[in-house]
PDB file of all heavy atoms in Angstrom:
ATOM      1  N   PRO A   1       0.833  -1.225  -0.014  1.00  0.00           N
ATOM      2  CA  PRO A   1      -0.015  -0.018   0.001  1.00  0.00           C
ATOM      3  C   PRO A   1       0.869   1.255  -0.019  1.00  0.00           C
ATOM      4  O   PRO A   1       2.054   1.241   0.375  1.00  0.00           O
ATOM      5  CB  PRO A   1      -0.793  -0.127   1.266  1.00  0.00           C
ATOM      6  CG  PRO A   1      -0.022  -1.061   2.127  1.00  0.00           C
ATOM      7  CD  PRO A   1       0.676  -1.989   1.192  1.00  0.00           C
ATOM      8  N   PRO A   2       0.280   2.376  -0.379  1.00  0.00           N
ATOM      9  CA  PRO A   2       1.075   3.654  -0.390  1.00  0.00           C
ATOM     10  C   PRO A   2       1.646   3.960   0.974  1.00  0.00           C
ATOM     11  O   PRO A   2       0.981   3.762   1.958  1.00  0.00           O
ATOM     12  CB  PRO A   2      -0.027   4.672  -0.779  1.00  0.00           C
ATOM     13  CG  PRO A   2      -1.007   3.917  -1.519  1.00  0.00           C
ATOM     14  CD  PRO A   2      -1.090   2.567  -0.904  1.00  0.00           C
ATOM     15  N   GLY A   3       2.892   4.445   0.977  1.00  0.00           N
ATOM     16  CA  GLY A   3       3.493   4.765   2.260  1.00  0.00           C
ATOM     17  C   GLY A   3       4.256   3.659   2.911  1.00  0.00           C
ATOM     18  O   GLY A   3       4.938   3.848   3.948  1.00  0.00           O
ATOM     19  N   ALA A   4       4.221   2.414   2.325  1.00  0.00           N
ATOM     20  CA  ALA A   4       4.929   1.256   2.856  1.00  0.00           C
ATOM     21  C   ALA A   4       6.216   1.054   2.106  1.00  0.00           C
ATOM     22  O   ALA A   4       6.215   0.996   0.856  1.00  0.00           O
ATOM     23  CB  ALA A   4       4.097   0.033   2.839  1.00  0.00           C
ATOM     24  N   ASP A   5       7.346   0.960   2.799  1.00  0.00           N
ATOM     25  CA  ASP A   5       8.669   0.836   2.141  1.00  0.00           C
ATOM     26  C   ASP A   5       9.425  -0.315   2.809  1.00  0.00           C
ATOM     27  O   ASP A   5       9.476  -0.487   4.018  1.00  0.00           O
ATOM     28  CB  ASP A   5       9.503   2.076   2.281  1.00  0.00           C
ATOM     29  CG  ASP A   5       8.844   3.308   1.591  1.00  0.00           C
ATOM     30  OD1 ASP A   5       8.534   3.177   0.445  1.00  0.00           O
ATOM     31  OD2 ASP A   5       8.713   4.318   2.296  1.00  0.00           O
ATOM     32  N   ILE A   6      10.052  -1.190   1.969  1.00  0.00           N
ATOM     33  CA  ILE A   6      10.961  -2.240   2.463  1.00  0.00           C
ATOM     34  C   ILE A   6      12.353  -1.628   2.607  1.00  0.00           C
ATOM     35  O   ILE A   6      12.872  -1.156   1.638  1.00  0.00           O
ATOM     36  CB  ILE A   6      10.934  -3.433   1.532  1.00  0.00           C
ATOM     37  CG1 ILE A   6       9.579  -4.088   1.440  1.00  0.00           C
ATOM     38  CG2 ILE A   6      11.923  -4.493   2.068  1.00  0.00           C
ATOM     39  CD1 ILE A   6       9.539  -5.209   0.447  1.00  0.00           C
ATOM     40  N   LEU A   7      12.834  -1.634   3.826  1.00  0.00           N
ATOM     41  CA  LEU A   7      14.191  -1.073   4.036  1.00  0.00           C
ATOM     42  C   LEU A   7      15.328  -2.133   3.949  1.00  0.00           C
ATOM     43  O   LEU A   7      16.435  -1.837   3.513  1.00  0.00           O
ATOM     44  CB  LEU A   7      14.259  -0.422   5.474  1.00  0.00           C
ATOM     45  CG  LEU A   7      13.246   0.705   5.685  1.00  0.00           C
ATOM     46  CD1 LEU A   7      13.419   1.278   7.055  1.00  0.00           C
ATOM     47  CD2 LEU A   7      13.369   1.757   4.637  1.00  0.00           C
ATOM     48  N   SER A   8      14.938  -3.356   4.325  1.00  0.00           N
ATOM     49  CA  SER A   8      15.936  -4.434   4.193  1.00  0.00           C
ATOM     50  C   SER A   8      15.211  -5.806   4.247  1.00  0.00           C
ATOM     51  O   SER A   8      14.209  -5.905   4.990  1.00  0.00           O
ATOM     52  CB  SER A   8      16.954  -4.316   5.358  1.00  0.00           C
ATOM     53  OG  SER A   8      17.908  -5.356   5.277  1.00  0.00           O
ATOM     54  N   VAL A   9      15.730  -6.758   3.517  1.00  0.00           N
ATOM     55  CA  VAL A   9      15.149  -8.098   3.557  1.00  0.00           C
ATOM     56  C   VAL A   9      16.162  -8.986   4.326  1.00  0.00           C
ATOM     57  O   VAL A   9      17.325  -9.196   3.863  1.00  0.00           O
ATOM     58  CB  VAL A   9      15.002  -8.704   2.161  1.00  0.00           C
ATOM     59  CG1 VAL A   9      14.418 -10.150   2.228  1.00  0.00           C
ATOM     60  CG2 VAL A   9      13.967  -7.829   1.378  1.00  0.00           C
ATOM     61  N   PHE A  10      15.796  -9.517   5.482  1.00  0.00           N
ATOM     62  CA  PHE A  10      16.689 -10.322   6.279  1.00  0.00           C
ATOM     63  C   PHE A  10      16.785 -11.742   5.879  1.00  0.00           C
ATOM     64  O   PHE A  10      17.830 -12.390   5.948  1.00  0.00           O
ATOM     65  CB  PHE A  10      16.252 -10.250   7.756  1.00  0.00           C
ATOM     66  CG  PHE A  10      16.260  -8.913   8.383  1.00  0.00           C
ATOM     67  CD1 PHE A  10      15.224  -8.442   9.171  1.00  0.00           C
ATOM     68  CD2 PHE A  10      17.318  -8.034   8.151  1.00  0.00           C
ATOM     69  CE1 PHE A  10      15.223  -7.195   9.752  1.00  0.00           C
ATOM     70  CE2 PHE A  10      17.351  -6.749   8.665  1.00  0.00           C
ATOM     71  CZ  PHE A  10      16.317  -6.320   9.514  1.00  0.00           C
ATOM     72  N   GLN A  11      15.624 -12.243   5.417  1.00  0.00           N
ATOM     73  CA  GLN A  11      15.555 -13.668   5.008  1.00  0.00           C
ATOM     74  C   GLN A  11      14.425 -13.815   3.986  1.00  0.00           C
ATOM     75  O   GLN A  11      13.313 -13.293   4.132  1.00  0.00           O
ATOM     76  CB  GLN A  11      15.241 -14.492   6.281  1.00  0.00           C
ATOM     77  CG  GLN A  11      15.078 -16.004   6.007  1.00  0.00           C
ATOM     78  CD  GLN A  11      14.741 -16.754   7.267  1.00  0.00           C
ATOM     79  OE1 GLN A  11      15.273 -16.450   8.349  1.00  0.00           O
ATOM     80  NE2 GLN A  11      13.907 -17.758   7.146  1.00  0.00           N
ATOM     81  N   GLU A  12      14.724 -14.618   2.948  1.00  0.00           N
ATOM     82  CA  GLU A  12      13.727 -14.903   1.937  1.00  0.00           C
ATOM     83  C   GLU A  12      13.886 -16.354   1.492  1.00  0.00           C
ATOM     84  O   GLU A  12      14.950 -16.773   1.033  1.00  0.00           O
ATOM     85  CB  GLU A  12      13.840 -13.980   0.708  1.00  0.00           C
ATOM     86  CG  GLU A  12      12.744 -14.142  -0.277  1.00  0.00           C
ATOM     87  CD  GLU A  12      12.793 -13.077  -1.421  1.00  0.00           C
ATOM     88  OE1 GLU A  12      13.749 -12.302  -1.434  1.00  0.00           O
ATOM     89  OE2 GLU A  12      11.886 -13.077  -2.235  1.00  0.00           O
ATOM     90  N   SER A  13      12.844 -17.120   1.702  1.00  0.00           N
ATOM     91  CA  SER A  13      12.848 -18.536   1.369  1.00  0.00           C
ATOM     92  C   SER A  13      11.504 -18.909   0.787  1.00  0.00           C
ATOM     93  O   SER A  13      10.547 -19.140   1.548  1.00  0.00           O
ATOM     94  CB  SER A  13      13.169 -19.361   2.576  1.00  0.00           C
ATOM     95  OG  SER A  13      13.203 -20.739   2.299  1.00  0.00           O
ATOM     96  N   GLY A  14      11.457 -19.018  -0.502  1.00  0.00           N
ATOM     97  CA  GLY A  14      10.221 -19.402  -1.199  1.00  0.00           C
ATOM     98  C   GLY A  14       9.127 -18.398  -0.901  1.00  0.00           C
ATOM     99  O   GLY A  14       9.201 -17.262  -1.302  1.00  0.00           O
ATOM    100  N   GLU A  15       8.018 -18.825  -0.237  1.00  0.00           N
ATOM    101  CA  GLU A  15       6.930 -17.979  -0.016  1.00  0.00           C
ATOM    102  C   GLU A  15       6.972 -17.198   1.287  1.00  0.00           C
ATOM    103  O   GLU A  15       6.106 -16.375   1.603  1.00  0.00           O
ATOM    104  CB  GLU A  15       5.636 -18.904   0.046  1.00  0.00           C
ATOM    105  CG  GLU A  15       5.352 -19.596  -1.311  1.00  0.00           C
ATOM    106  CD  GLU A  15       4.521 -20.831  -1.153  1.00  0.00           C
ATOM    107  OE1 GLU A  15       4.214 -21.156  -0.014  1.00  0.00           O
ATOM    108  OE2 GLU A  15       4.170 -21.475  -2.178  1.00  0.00           O
ATOM    109  N   GLU A  16       8.086 -17.439   2.063  1.00  0.00           N
ATOM    110  CA  GLU A  16       8.205 -16.672   3.334  1.00  0.00           C
ATOM    111  C   GLU A  16       9.325 -15.691   3.326  1.00  0.00           C
ATOM    112  O   GLU A  16      10.418 -16.023   2.838  1.00  0.00           O
ATOM    113  CB  GLU A  16       8.410 -17.718   4.473  1.00  0.00           C
ATOM    114  CG  GLU A  16       8.485 -17.107   5.813  1.00  0.00           C
ATOM    115  CD  GLU A  16       8.599 -18.150   6.931  1.00  0.00           C
ATOM    116  OE1 GLU A  16       7.803 -19.103   6.876  1.00  0.00           O
ATOM    117  OE2 GLU A  16       9.528 -17.990   7.778  1.00  0.00           O
ATOM    118  N   SER A  17       9.079 -14.520   3.838  1.00  0.00           N
ATOM    119  CA  SER A  17      10.134 -13.457   3.893  1.00  0.00           C
ATOM    120  C   SER A  17      10.071 -12.759   5.236  1.00  0.00           C
ATOM    121  O   SER A  17       8.961 -12.532   5.793  1.00  0.00           O
ATOM    122  CB  SER A  17       9.947 -12.399   2.770  1.00  0.00           C
ATOM    123  OG  SER A  17       9.948 -13.054   1.506  1.00  0.00           O
ATOM    124  N   ILE A  18      11.214 -12.372   5.744  1.00  0.00           N
ATOM    125  CA  ILE A  18      11.304 -11.561   6.992  1.00  0.00           C
ATOM    126  C   ILE A  18      11.991 -10.277   6.569  1.00  0.00           C
ATOM    127  O   ILE A  18      13.117 -10.341   6.028  1.00  0.00           O
ATOM    128  CB  ILE A  18      12.046 -12.316   8.094  1.00  0.00           C
ATOM    129  CG1 ILE A  18      11.271 -13.540   8.459  1.00  0.00           C
ATOM    130  CG2 ILE A  18      12.220 -11.379   9.331  1.00  0.00           C
ATOM    131  CD1 ILE A  18      11.952 -14.442   9.571  1.00  0.00           C
ATOM    132  N   LEU A  19      11.400  -9.160   6.881  1.00  0.00           N
ATOM    133  CA  LEU A  19      11.953  -7.904   6.402  1.00  0.00           C
ATOM    134  C   LEU A  19      11.780  -6.740   7.395  1.00  0.00           C
ATOM    135  O   LEU A  19      10.897  -6.820   8.285  1.00  0.00           O
ATOM    136  CB  LEU A  19      11.349  -7.554   5.047  1.00  0.00           C
ATOM    137  CG  LEU A  19       9.794  -7.554   4.938  1.00  0.00           C
ATOM    138  CD1 LEU A  19       9.181  -6.199   5.366  1.00  0.00           C
ATOM    139  CD2 LEU A  19       9.378  -7.882   3.543  1.00  0.00           C
ATOM    140  N   LEU A  20      12.633  -5.750   7.195  1.00  0.00           N
ATOM    141  CA  LEU A  20      12.489  -4.508   7.992  1.00  0.00           C
ATOM    142  C   LEU A  20      11.680  -3.556   7.098  1.00  0.00           C
ATOM    143  O   LEU A  20      12.010  -3.287   5.891  1.00  0.00           O
ATOM    144  CB  LEU A  20      13.860  -3.898   8.232  1.00  0.00           C
ATOM    145  CG  LEU A  20      13.932  -2.522   8.902  1.00  0.00           C
ATOM    146  CD1 LEU A  20      13.444  -2.571  10.283  1.00  0.00           C
ATOM    147  CD2 LEU A  20      15.372  -1.994   8.847  1.00  0.00           C
ATOM    148  N   PHE A  21      10.626  -2.981   7.620  1.00  0.00           N
ATOM    149  CA  PHE A  21       9.755  -2.123   6.877  1.00  0.00           C
ATOM    150  C   PHE A  21       9.493  -0.780   7.572  1.00  0.00           C
ATOM    151  O   PHE A  21       9.620  -0.696   8.842  1.00  0.00           O
ATOM    152  CB  PHE A  21       8.405  -2.809   6.552  1.00  0.00           C
ATOM    153  CG  PHE A  21       7.489  -2.845   7.750  1.00  0.00           C
ATOM    154  CD1 PHE A  21       6.526  -1.892   7.937  1.00  0.00           C
ATOM    155  CD2 PHE A  21       7.626  -3.826   8.714  1.00  0.00           C
ATOM    156  CE1 PHE A  21       5.679  -1.901   9.031  1.00  0.00           C
ATOM    157  CE2 PHE A  21       6.797  -3.873   9.816  1.00  0.00           C
ATOM    158  CZ  PHE A  21       5.831  -2.871   9.931  1.00  0.00           C
ATOM    159  N   ARG A  22       9.109   0.203   6.765  1.00  0.00           N
ATOM    160  CA  ARG A  22       8.656   1.483   7.332  1.00  0.00           C
ATOM    161  C   ARG A  22       7.270   1.724   6.688  1.00  0.00           C
ATOM    162  O   ARG A  22       7.147   1.672   5.515  1.00  0.00           O
ATOM    163  CB  ARG A  22       9.594   2.553   7.054  1.00  0.00           C
ATOM    164  CG  ARG A  22       9.175   3.948   7.504  1.00  0.00           C
ATOM    165  CD  ARG A  22      10.245   4.978   7.211  1.00  0.00           C
ATOM    166  NE  ARG A  22      10.597   4.945   5.791  1.00  0.00           N
ATOM    167  CZ  ARG A  22      11.836   5.335   5.299  1.00  0.00           C
ATOM    168  NH1 ARG A  22      12.794   5.637   6.123  1.00  0.00           N
ATOM    169  NH2 ARG A  22      12.047   5.270   3.998  1.00  0.00           N
ATOM    170  N   GLY A  23       6.332   2.114   7.538  1.00  0.00           N
ATOM    171  CA  GLY A  23       5.020   2.405   6.970  1.00  0.00           C
ATOM    172  C   GLY A  23       4.512   3.741   7.448  1.00  0.00           C
ATOM    173  O   GLY A  23       4.673   4.159   8.633  1.00  0.00           O
ATOM    174  N   THR A  24       3.782   4.460   6.630  1.00  0.00           N
ATOM    175  CA  THR A  24       3.156   5.700   6.936  1.00  0.00           C
ATOM    176  C   THR A  24       1.700   5.632   6.543  1.00  0.00           C
ATOM    177  O   THR A  24       1.374   5.406   5.342  1.00  0.00           O
ATOM    178  CB  THR A  24       3.824   6.908   6.221  1.00  0.00           C
ATOM    179  OG1 THR A  24       5.208   6.887   6.593  1.00  0.00           O
ATOM    180  CG2 THR A  24       3.177   8.207   6.655  1.00  0.00           C
ATOM    181  N   ALA A  25       0.813   5.776   7.485  1.00  0.00           N
ATOM    182  CA  ALA A  25      -0.624   5.743   7.170  1.00  0.00           C
ATOM    183  C   ALA A  25      -1.035   6.986   6.417  1.00  0.00           C
ATOM    184  O   ALA A  25      -0.507   8.089   6.648  1.00  0.00           O
ATOM    185  CB  ALA A  25      -1.432   5.632   8.434  1.00  0.00           C
ATOM    186  N   PRO A  26      -1.918   6.845   5.426  1.00  0.00           N
ATOM    187  CA  PRO A  26      -2.417   8.054   4.691  1.00  0.00           C
ATOM    188  C   PRO A  26      -3.152   8.992   5.606  1.00  0.00           C
ATOM    189  O   PRO A  26      -3.646   8.559   6.642  1.00  0.00           O
ATOM    190  CB  PRO A  26      -3.316   7.430   3.647  1.00  0.00           C
ATOM    191  CG  PRO A  26      -3.735   6.107   4.190  1.00  0.00           C
ATOM    192  CD  PRO A  26      -2.574   5.593   4.961  1.00  0.00           C
ATOM    193  N   SER A  27      -3.201  10.217   5.204  1.00  0.00           N
ATOM    194  CA  SER A  27      -3.819  11.266   6.087  1.00  0.00           C
ATOM    195  C   SER A  27      -5.260  10.882   6.438  1.00  0.00           C
ATOM    196  O   SER A  27      -5.757  11.228   7.527  1.00  0.00           O
ATOM    197  CB  SER A  27      -3.754  12.612   5.401  1.00  0.00           C
ATOM    198  OG  SER A  27      -4.358  12.582   4.130  1.00  0.00           O
ATOM    199  N   SER A  28      -5.989  10.226   5.529  1.00  0.00           N
ATOM    200  CA  SER A  28      -7.361   9.891   5.791  1.00  0.00           C
ATOM    201  C   SER A  28      -7.532   8.902   6.940  1.00  0.00           C
ATOM    202  O   SER A  28      -8.586   8.800   7.478  1.00  0.00           O
ATOM    203  CB  SER A  28      -8.013   9.325   4.533  1.00  0.00           C
ATOM    204  OG  SER A  28      -7.278   8.149   4.106  1.00  0.00           O
ATOM    205  N   TYR A  29      -6.384   8.200   7.265  1.00  0.00           N
ATOM    206  CA  TYR A  29      -6.501   7.229   8.397  1.00  0.00           C
ATOM    207  C   TYR A  29      -5.957   7.769   9.686  1.00  0.00           C
ATOM    208  O   TYR A  29      -6.076   7.148  10.714  1.00  0.00           O
ATOM    209  CB  TYR A  29      -5.692   5.999   7.995  1.00  0.00           C
ATOM    210  CG  TYR A  29      -6.449   5.076   7.026  1.00  0.00           C
ATOM    211  CD1 TYR A  29      -6.498   5.350   5.687  1.00  0.00           C
ATOM    212  CD2 TYR A  29      -7.099   3.920   7.484  1.00  0.00           C
ATOM    213  CE1 TYR A  29      -7.186   4.525   4.768  1.00  0.00           C
ATOM    214  CE2 TYR A  29      -7.749   3.077   6.655  1.00  0.00           C
ATOM    215  CZ  TYR A  29      -7.797   3.409   5.277  1.00  0.00           C
ATOM    216  OH  TYR A  29      -8.505   2.593   4.407  1.00  0.00           O
ATOM    217  N   GLN A  30      -5.357   8.932   9.657  1.00  0.00           N
ATOM    218  CA  GLN A  30      -4.693   9.442  10.849  1.00  0.00           C
ATOM    219  C   GLN A  30      -5.682   9.996  11.862  1.00  0.00           C
ATOM    220  O   GLN A  30      -5.321  10.323  12.981  1.00  0.00           O
ATOM    221  CB  GLN A  30      -3.650  10.477  10.457  1.00  0.00           C
ATOM    222  CG  GLN A  30      -2.459   9.873   9.733  1.00  0.00           C
ATOM    223  CD  GLN A  30      -1.334  10.806   9.460  1.00  0.00           C
ATOM    224  OE1 GLN A  30      -1.251  11.919  10.062  1.00  0.00           O
ATOM    225  NE2 GLN A  30      -0.503  10.529   8.499  1.00  0.00           N
ATOM    226  N   TYR A  31      -6.966  10.090  11.502  1.00  0.00           N
ATOM    227  CA  TYR A  31      -7.934  10.472  12.476  1.00  0.00           C
ATOM    228  C   TYR A  31      -8.098   9.403  13.553  1.00  0.00           C
ATOM    229  O   TYR A  31      -8.661   9.599  14.631  1.00  0.00           O
ATOM    230  CB  TYR A  31      -9.273  10.750  11.874  1.00  0.00           C
ATOM    231  CG  TYR A  31     -10.070   9.620  11.353  1.00  0.00           C
ATOM    232  CD1 TYR A  31     -10.965   8.914  12.117  1.00  0.00           C
ATOM    233  CD2 TYR A  31      -9.894   9.167  10.033  1.00  0.00           C
ATOM    234  CE1 TYR A  31     -11.711   7.887  11.662  1.00  0.00           C
ATOM    235  CE2 TYR A  31     -10.560   8.093   9.556  1.00  0.00           C
ATOM    236  CZ  TYR A  31     -11.503   7.427  10.402  1.00  0.00           C
ATOM    237  OH  TYR A  31     -12.164   6.368   9.872  1.00  0.00           O
ATOM    238  N   PHE A  32      -7.614   8.175  13.253  1.00  0.00           N
ATOM    239  CA  PHE A  32      -7.622   7.086  14.271  1.00  0.00           C
ATOM    240  C   PHE A  32      -6.702   7.405  15.461  1.00  0.00           C
ATOM    241  O   PHE A  32      -6.839   6.793  16.487  1.00  0.00           O
ATOM    242  CB  PHE A  32      -7.175   5.769  13.624  1.00  0.00           C
ATOM    243  CG  PHE A  32      -8.130   5.152  12.688  1.00  0.00           C
ATOM    244  CD1 PHE A  32      -7.693   4.665  11.498  1.00  0.00           C
ATOM    245  CD2 PHE A  32      -9.523   5.119  12.935  1.00  0.00           C
ATOM    246  CE1 PHE A  32      -8.600   4.105  10.581  1.00  0.00           C
ATOM    247  CE2 PHE A  32     -10.422   4.565  12.066  1.00  0.00           C
ATOM    248  CZ  PHE A  32      -9.953   4.025  10.901  1.00  0.00           C
ATOM    249  N   SER A  33      -5.773   8.310  15.286  1.00  0.00           N
ATOM    250  CA  SER A  33      -4.741   8.551  16.274  1.00  0.00           C
ATOM    251  C   SER A  33      -5.323   8.916  17.633  1.00  0.00           C
ATOM    252  O   SER A  33      -4.746   8.669  18.674  1.00  0.00           O
ATOM    253  CB  SER A  33      -3.746   9.634  15.784  1.00  0.00           C
ATOM    254  OG  SER A  33      -4.430  10.873  15.645  1.00  0.00           O
ATOM    255  N   GLY A  34      -6.518   9.532  17.605  1.00  0.00           N
ATOM    256  CA  GLY A  34      -7.190   9.925  18.851  1.00  0.00           C
ATOM    257  C   GLY A  34      -7.370   8.760  19.759  1.00  0.00           C
ATOM    258  O   GLY A  34      -7.102   8.822  20.953  1.00  0.00           O
ATOM    259  N   PHE A  35      -7.893   7.625  19.219  1.00  0.00           N
ATOM    260  CA  PHE A  35      -8.132   6.475  20.091  1.00  0.00           C
ATOM    261  C   PHE A  35      -6.864   5.642  20.259  1.00  0.00           C
ATOM    262  O   PHE A  35      -6.673   4.959  21.280  1.00  0.00           O
ATOM    263  CB  PHE A  35      -9.279   5.631  19.606  1.00  0.00           C
ATOM    264  CG  PHE A  35      -9.006   4.752  18.427  1.00  0.00           C
ATOM    265  CD1 PHE A  35      -8.375   3.537  18.609  1.00  0.00           C
ATOM    266  CD2 PHE A  35      -9.397   5.078  17.126  1.00  0.00           C
ATOM    267  CE1 PHE A  35      -8.135   2.689  17.527  1.00  0.00           C
ATOM    268  CE2 PHE A  35      -9.155   4.247  16.069  1.00  0.00           C
ATOM    269  CZ  PHE A  35      -8.511   3.052  16.279  1.00  0.00           C
ATOM    270  N   LEU A  36      -5.960   5.692  19.289  1.00  0.00           N
ATOM    271  CA  LEU A  36      -4.740   4.924  19.435  1.00  0.00           C
ATOM    272  C   LEU A  36      -3.872   5.408  20.585  1.00  0.00           C
ATOM    273  O   LEU A  36      -3.089   4.729  21.187  1.00  0.00           O
ATOM    274  CB  LEU A  36      -3.954   4.976  18.143  1.00  0.00           C
ATOM    275  CG  LEU A  36      -4.547   4.299  16.945  1.00  0.00           C
ATOM    276  CD1 LEU A  36      -3.736   4.608  15.696  1.00  0.00           C
ATOM    277  CD2 LEU A  36      -4.642   2.781  17.155  1.00  0.00           C
ATOM    278  N   LEU A  37      -4.027   6.714  20.904  1.00  0.00           N
ATOM    279  CA  LEU A  37      -3.261   7.343  21.982  1.00  0.00           C
ATOM    280  C   LEU A  37      -3.903   7.208  23.340  1.00  0.00           C
ATOM    281  O   LEU A  37      -3.498   7.831  24.338  1.00  0.00           O
ATOM    282  CB  LEU A  37      -3.040   8.822  21.675  1.00  0.00           C
ATOM    283  CG  LEU A  37      -2.040   9.121  20.577  1.00  0.00           C
ATOM    284  CD1 LEU A  37      -2.106  10.625  20.196  1.00  0.00           C
ATOM    285  CD2 LEU A  37      -0.643   8.683  20.936  1.00  0.00           C
ATOM    286  N   HIS A  38      -4.957   6.429  23.441  1.00  0.00           N
ATOM    287  CA  HIS A  38      -5.735   6.370  24.649  1.00  0.00           C
ATOM    288  C   HIS A  38      -5.101   5.402  25.706  1.00  0.00           C
ATOM    289  O   HIS A  38      -5.584   4.364  26.051  1.00  0.00           O
ATOM    290  CB  HIS A  38      -7.155   5.846  24.344  1.00  0.00           C
ATOM    291  CG  HIS A  38      -8.123   6.074  25.447  1.00  0.00           C
ATOM    292  ND1 HIS A  38      -8.751   7.259  25.659  1.00  0.00           N
ATOM    293  CD2 HIS A  38      -8.618   5.234  26.367  1.00  0.00           C
ATOM    294  CE1 HIS A  38      -9.546   7.140  26.698  1.00  0.00           C
ATOM    295  NE2 HIS A  38      -9.483   5.920  27.130  1.00  0.00           N
TER     296      HIS A  38
END
């Protein structure tokens, strides 16, 4: 999805992968922050 970036792939074997990622939620979803901070 938009805002999601793979920074590094630690392990990849067939259908399974372990990776370091960074994600940023779109502005339309950031109104959730009010309850996430509860």
